[in-house]
Amino acid sequence: MKAITIIQPWATLIALNEKKLETRSWPTKYRGPLAIHAGKKIDKEACEEPDIKATLARHGYTADSLPTGGVVAITELYECWSIGTDYQSGMPLLYNGKDGGSRIVGLKEDKFGYYSPGRYAWELADVMQLPEPIPAKGQQGLWNWEGVQP
């Protein structure tokens, strides 16, 4: 199964099904099952952002209790969107070249990613948080995870 390493708190926000778009500087053509691996790094400053802190707290997490160094969720990588700006609202705009589809990023979701024009948003669906993280060593980019799969 393909996997991606994501630093905290974003890996947990995905596992909690609170973050449905993972922003990246690079696109991918891959679609299918994806393991979400929580890297060893925790961005403590991000954990103090009001929207992130409140969302984590609602699920019983703090910056000091986030899991690291393991797969925390399995999801489906559904789509890869290009990021632009909706000039009427000023909100990030997602668009794809396949069917001309586009949509504005929601108000909560825009706090959970880096939506600069020219970047990409990977749309995640059917997230399943694992009961316990499965220890694994992360890697950069998409990588193959051979671990125990639910």
C-alpha atoms as a PDB file:
ATOM      1  CA  MET A   1       0.000   0.000   0.000  1.00  0.00           C
ATOM      2  CA  LYS A   2       1.219   3.513  -0.733  1.00  0.00           C
ATOM      3  CA  ALA A   3       1.925   5.716   2.286  1.00  0.00           C
ATOM      4  CA  ILE A   4       2.822   9.306   2.981  1.00  0.00           C
ATOM      5  CA  THR A   5       4.570  10.748   6.020  1.00  0.00           C
ATOM      6  CA  ILE A   6       2.936  13.869   7.413  1.00  0.00           C
ATOM      7  CA  ILE A   7       4.136  15.856  10.415  1.00  0.00           C
ATOM      8  CA  GLN A   8       1.865  16.444  13.356  1.00  0.00           C
ATOM      9  CA  PRO A   9      -0.715  17.839  13.976  1.00  0.00           C
ATOM     10  CA  TRP A  10      -1.817  17.352  10.359  1.00  0.00           C
ATOM     11  CA  ALA A  11      -1.556  13.545  10.363  1.00  0.00           C
ATOM     12  CA  THR A  12      -3.909  13.357  13.354  1.00  0.00           C
ATOM     13  CA  LEU A  13      -6.300  15.907  11.852  1.00  0.00           C
ATOM     14  CA  ILE A  14      -6.566  13.604   8.824  1.00  0.00           C
ATOM     15  CA  ALA A  15      -7.021  10.517  11.031  1.00  0.00           C
ATOM     16  CA  LEU A  16      -9.832  12.301  12.901  1.00  0.00           C
ATOM     17  CA  ASN A  17     -11.517  13.046   9.543  1.00  0.00           C
ATOM     18  CA  GLU A  18     -11.251  16.764  10.275  1.00  0.00           C
ATOM     19  CA  LYS A  19      -8.760  17.464   7.459  1.00  0.00           C
ATOM     20  CA  LYS A  20      -9.915  16.190   4.084  1.00  0.00           C
ATOM     21  CA  LEU A  21      -7.300  17.901   1.903  1.00  0.00           C
ATOM     22  CA  GLU A  22      -3.540  17.417   2.223  1.00  0.00           C
ATOM     23  CA  THR A  23      -1.652  20.272   0.562  1.00  0.00           C
ATOM     24  CA  ARG A  24       1.612  19.591  -1.224  1.00  0.00           C
ATOM     25  CA  SER A  25       4.057  21.403  -3.489  1.00  0.00           C
ATOM     26  CA  TRP A  26       3.854  18.518  -5.977  1.00  0.00           C
ATOM     27  CA  PRO A  27       1.025  16.701  -7.739  1.00  0.00           C
ATOM     28  CA  THR A  28       0.460  12.965  -7.960  1.00  0.00           C
ATOM     29  CA  LYS A  29      -1.285  10.779 -10.496  1.00  0.00           C
ATOM     30  CA  TYR A  30      -1.718   8.043  -7.898  1.00  0.00           C
ATOM     31  CA  ARG A  31      -5.280   7.276  -6.796  1.00  0.00           C
ATOM     32  CA  GLY A  32      -6.188   4.555  -4.328  1.00  0.00           C
ATOM     33  CA  PRO A  33      -5.532   3.366  -0.769  1.00  0.00           C
ATOM     34  CA  LEU A  34      -3.107   5.507   1.212  1.00  0.00           C
ATOM     35  CA  ALA A  35      -1.620   4.979   4.666  1.00  0.00           C
ATOM     36  CA  ILE A  36      -1.195   8.161   6.718  1.00  0.00           C
ATOM     37  CA  HIS A  37       2.083   7.990   8.622  1.00  0.00           C
ATOM     38  CA  ALA A  38       2.647  10.452  11.471  1.00  0.00           C
ATOM     39  CA  GLY A  39       6.250  11.577  11.299  1.00  0.00           C
ATOM     40  CA  LYS A  40       8.372  12.121  14.380  1.00  0.00           C
ATOM     41  CA  LYS A  41       8.162  15.921  14.117  1.00  0.00           C
ATOM     42  CA  ILE A  42       5.419  17.900  15.841  1.00  0.00           C
ATOM     43  CA  ASP A  43       4.874  21.497  14.780  1.00  0.00           C
ATOM     44  CA  LYS A  44       4.141  22.870  18.264  1.00  0.00           C
ATOM     45  CA  GLU A  45       3.468  26.358  16.901  1.00  0.00           C
ATOM     46  CA  ALA A  46       0.752  25.001  14.592  1.00  0.00           C
ATOM     47  CA  CYS A  47      -0.760  23.098  17.525  1.00  0.00           C
ATOM     48  CA  GLU A  48      -1.328  26.462  19.235  1.00  0.00           C
ATOM     49  CA  GLU A  49      -3.283  27.949  16.305  1.00  0.00           C
ATOM     50  CA  PRO A  50      -6.832  28.441  17.681  1.00  0.00           C
ATOM     51  CA  ASP A  51      -8.668  26.325  15.078  1.00  0.00           C
ATOM     52  CA  ILE A  52      -6.175  23.471  15.273  1.00  0.00           C
ATOM     53  CA  LYS A  53      -5.904  23.570  19.069  1.00  0.00           C
ATOM     54  CA  ALA A  54      -9.709  23.553  19.473  1.00  0.00           C
ATOM     55  CA  THR A  55     -10.156  20.698  17.007  1.00  0.00           C
ATOM     56  CA  LEU A  56      -7.496  18.568  18.679  1.00  0.00           C
ATOM     57  CA  ALA A  57      -8.926  19.327  22.142  1.00  0.00           C
ATOM     58  CA  ARG A  58     -12.410  18.295  21.023  1.00  0.00           C
ATOM     59  CA  HIS A  59     -10.933  14.846  20.345  1.00  0.00           C
ATOM     60  CA  GLY A  60      -8.833  14.723  23.524  1.00  0.00           C
ATOM     61  CA  TYR A  61      -5.443  15.615  22.021  1.00  0.00           C
ATOM     62  CA  THR A  62      -2.804  18.186  22.880  1.00  0.00           C
ATOM     63  CA  ALA A  63       0.549  18.870  21.229  1.00  0.00           C
ATOM     64  CA  ASP A  64       2.112  16.612  23.865  1.00  0.00           C
ATOM     65  CA  SER A  65      -0.188  13.633  23.269  1.00  0.00           C
ATOM     66  CA  LEU A  66      -0.043  13.339  19.474  1.00  0.00           C
ATOM     67  CA  PRO A  67       1.248   9.994  18.194  1.00  0.00           C
ATOM     68  CA  THR A  68       4.486  10.002  16.197  1.00  0.00           C
ATOM     69  CA  GLY A  69       6.479   7.464  14.222  1.00  0.00           C
ATOM     70  CA  GLY A  70       3.591   5.308  13.060  1.00  0.00           C
ATOM     71  CA  VAL A  71       0.703   4.804  10.663  1.00  0.00           C
ATOM     72  CA  VAL A  72      -2.384   6.417  12.219  1.00  0.00           C
ATOM     73  CA  ALA A  73      -4.995   6.030   9.471  1.00  0.00           C
ATOM     74  CA  ILE A  74      -5.874   4.459   6.144  1.00  0.00           C
ATOM     75  CA  THR A  75      -7.653   6.590   3.574  1.00  0.00           C
ATOM     76  CA  GLU A  76      -8.384   6.748  -0.124  1.00  0.00           C
ATOM     77  CA  LEU A  77      -6.546   9.296  -2.255  1.00  0.00           C
ATOM     78  CA  TYR A  78      -9.461  10.371  -4.389  1.00  0.00           C
ATOM     79  CA  GLU A  79      -8.269  13.376  -6.405  1.00  0.00           C
ATOM     80  CA  CYS A  80      -5.359  15.780  -6.826  1.00  0.00           C
ATOM     81  CA  TRP A  81      -6.469  19.399  -7.321  1.00  0.00           C
ATOM     82  CA  SER A  82      -4.488  22.432  -8.440  1.00  0.00           C
ATOM     83  CA  ILE A  83      -4.805  25.406  -6.097  1.00  0.00           C
ATOM     84  CA  GLY A  84      -5.726  28.891  -7.231  1.00  0.00           C
ATOM     85  CA  THR A  85      -7.721  31.791  -5.783  1.00  0.00           C
ATOM     86  CA  ASP A  86     -11.408  32.594  -6.160  1.00  0.00           C
ATOM     87  CA  TYR A  87     -11.251  36.292  -6.986  1.00  0.00           C
ATOM     88  CA  GLN A  88     -14.744  37.073  -5.685  1.00  0.00           C
ATOM     89  CA  SER A  89     -14.334  35.586  -2.211  1.00  0.00           C
ATOM     90  CA  GLY A  90     -10.534  35.569  -1.909  1.00  0.00           C
ATOM     91  CA  MET A  91     -10.776  31.934  -0.756  1.00  0.00           C
ATOM     92  CA  PRO A  92      -8.580  29.164  -2.146  1.00  0.00           C
ATOM     93  CA  LEU A  93     -10.030  27.574  -5.283  1.00  0.00           C
ATOM     94  CA  LEU A  94      -9.422  23.961  -6.270  1.00  0.00           C
ATOM     95  CA  TYR A  95      -9.608  22.975  -9.907  1.00  0.00           C
ATOM     96  CA  ASN A  96      -8.681  20.041 -12.111  1.00  0.00           C
ATOM     97  CA  GLY A  97      -7.910  19.802 -15.776  1.00  0.00           C
ATOM     98  CA  LYS A  98      -9.906  16.627 -16.429  1.00  0.00           C
ATOM     99  CA  ASP A  99     -13.443  17.910 -16.471  1.00  0.00           C
ATOM    100  CA  GLY A 100     -13.034  21.596 -15.728  1.00  0.00           C
ATOM    101  CA  GLY A 101     -14.388  21.007 -12.231  1.00  0.00           C
ATOM    102  CA  SER A 102     -13.652  23.492  -9.484  1.00  0.00           C
ATOM    103  CA  ARG A 103     -14.716  24.298  -5.929  1.00  0.00           C
ATOM    104  CA  ILE A 104     -13.884  26.717  -3.158  1.00  0.00           C
ATOM    105  CA  VAL A 105     -12.108  25.376  -0.076  1.00  0.00           C
ATOM    106  CA  GLY A 106     -14.309  25.485   3.034  1.00  0.00           C
ATOM    107  CA  LEU A 107     -13.732  27.911   5.896  1.00  0.00           C
ATOM    108  CA  LYS A 108     -12.514  25.296   8.380  1.00  0.00           C
ATOM    109  CA  GLU A 109     -10.422  23.367   5.868  1.00  0.00           C
ATOM    110  CA  ASP A 110      -8.506  26.475   4.793  1.00  0.00           C
ATOM    111  CA  LYS A 111      -6.985  26.658   8.305  1.00  0.00           C
ATOM    112  CA  PHE A 112      -5.565  23.121   8.001  1.00  0.00           C
ATOM    113  CA  GLY A 113      -3.327  23.518   4.947  1.00  0.00           C
ATOM    114  CA  TYR A 114      -1.091  25.781   2.889  1.00  0.00           C
ATOM    115  CA  TYR A 115      -3.289  26.914  -0.012  1.00  0.00           C
ATOM    116  CA  SER A 116      -0.910  29.100  -1.978  1.00  0.00           C
ATOM    117  CA  PRO A 117      -1.637  29.293  -5.731  1.00  0.00           C
ATOM    118  CA  GLY A 118       0.496  26.836  -7.670  1.00  0.00           C
ATOM    119  CA  ARG A 119       0.377  24.171  -4.942  1.00  0.00           C
ATOM    120  CA  TYR A 120      -1.786  21.017  -4.929  1.00  0.00           C
ATOM    121  CA  ALA A 121      -4.509  19.642  -2.678  1.00  0.00           C
ATOM    122  CA  TRP A 122      -4.832  15.887  -2.370  1.00  0.00           C
ATOM    123  CA  GLU A 123      -8.455  15.017  -1.627  1.00  0.00           C
ATOM    124  CA  LEU A 124      -8.848  12.192   0.886  1.00  0.00           C
ATOM    125  CA  ALA A 125     -11.974  10.060   1.356  1.00  0.00           C
ATOM    126  CA  ASP A 126     -13.151   7.164   3.519  1.00  0.00           C
ATOM    127  CA  VAL A 127     -10.686   7.822   6.337  1.00  0.00           C
ATOM    128  CA  MET A 128     -10.327   5.033   8.884  1.00  0.00           C
ATOM    129  CA  GLN A 129      -8.409   5.953  12.027  1.00  0.00           C
ATOM    130  CA  LEU A 130      -6.471   3.005  13.424  1.00  0.00           C
ATOM    131  CA  PRO A 131      -7.203   2.070  17.063  1.00  0.00           C
ATOM    132  CA  GLU A 132      -3.461   2.287  17.794  1.00  0.00           C
ATOM    133  CA  PRO A 133      -0.662   3.639  15.602  1.00  0.00           C
ATOM    134  CA  ILE A 134       1.369   0.955  13.836  1.00  0.00           C
ATOM    135  CA  PRO A 135       5.070   1.780  14.250  1.00  0.00           C
ATOM    136  CA  ALA A 136       6.829   2.461  10.960  1.00  0.00           C
ATOM    137  CA  LYS A 137       9.778   4.440   9.676  1.00  0.00           C
ATOM    138  CA  GLY A 138       8.633   7.243   7.398  1.00  0.00           C
ATOM    139  CA  GLN A 139      10.073   8.416   4.111  1.00  0.00           C
ATOM    140  CA  GLN A 140       9.789  11.413   1.828  1.00  0.00           C
ATOM    141  CA  GLY A 141       7.275  11.383  -1.011  1.00  0.00           C
ATOM    142  CA  LEU A 142       4.935   8.472  -1.622  1.00  0.00           C
ATOM    143  CA  TRP A 143       6.418   5.218  -0.366  1.00  0.00           C
ATOM    144  CA  ASN A 144       5.374   1.584  -0.088  1.00  0.00           C
ATOM    145  CA  TRP A 145       4.209   0.481   3.336  1.00  0.00           C
ATOM    146  CA  GLU A 146       4.482  -3.234   3.953  1.00  0.00           C
ATOM    147  CA  GLY A 147       3.061  -3.136   7.488  1.00  0.00           C
ATOM    148  CA  VAL A 148       0.069  -4.877   8.967  1.00  0.00           C
ATOM    149  CA  GLN A 149      -2.995  -3.604   7.191  1.00  0.00           C
ATOM    150  CA  PRO A 150      -6.461  -3.566   8.734  1.00  0.00           C
END
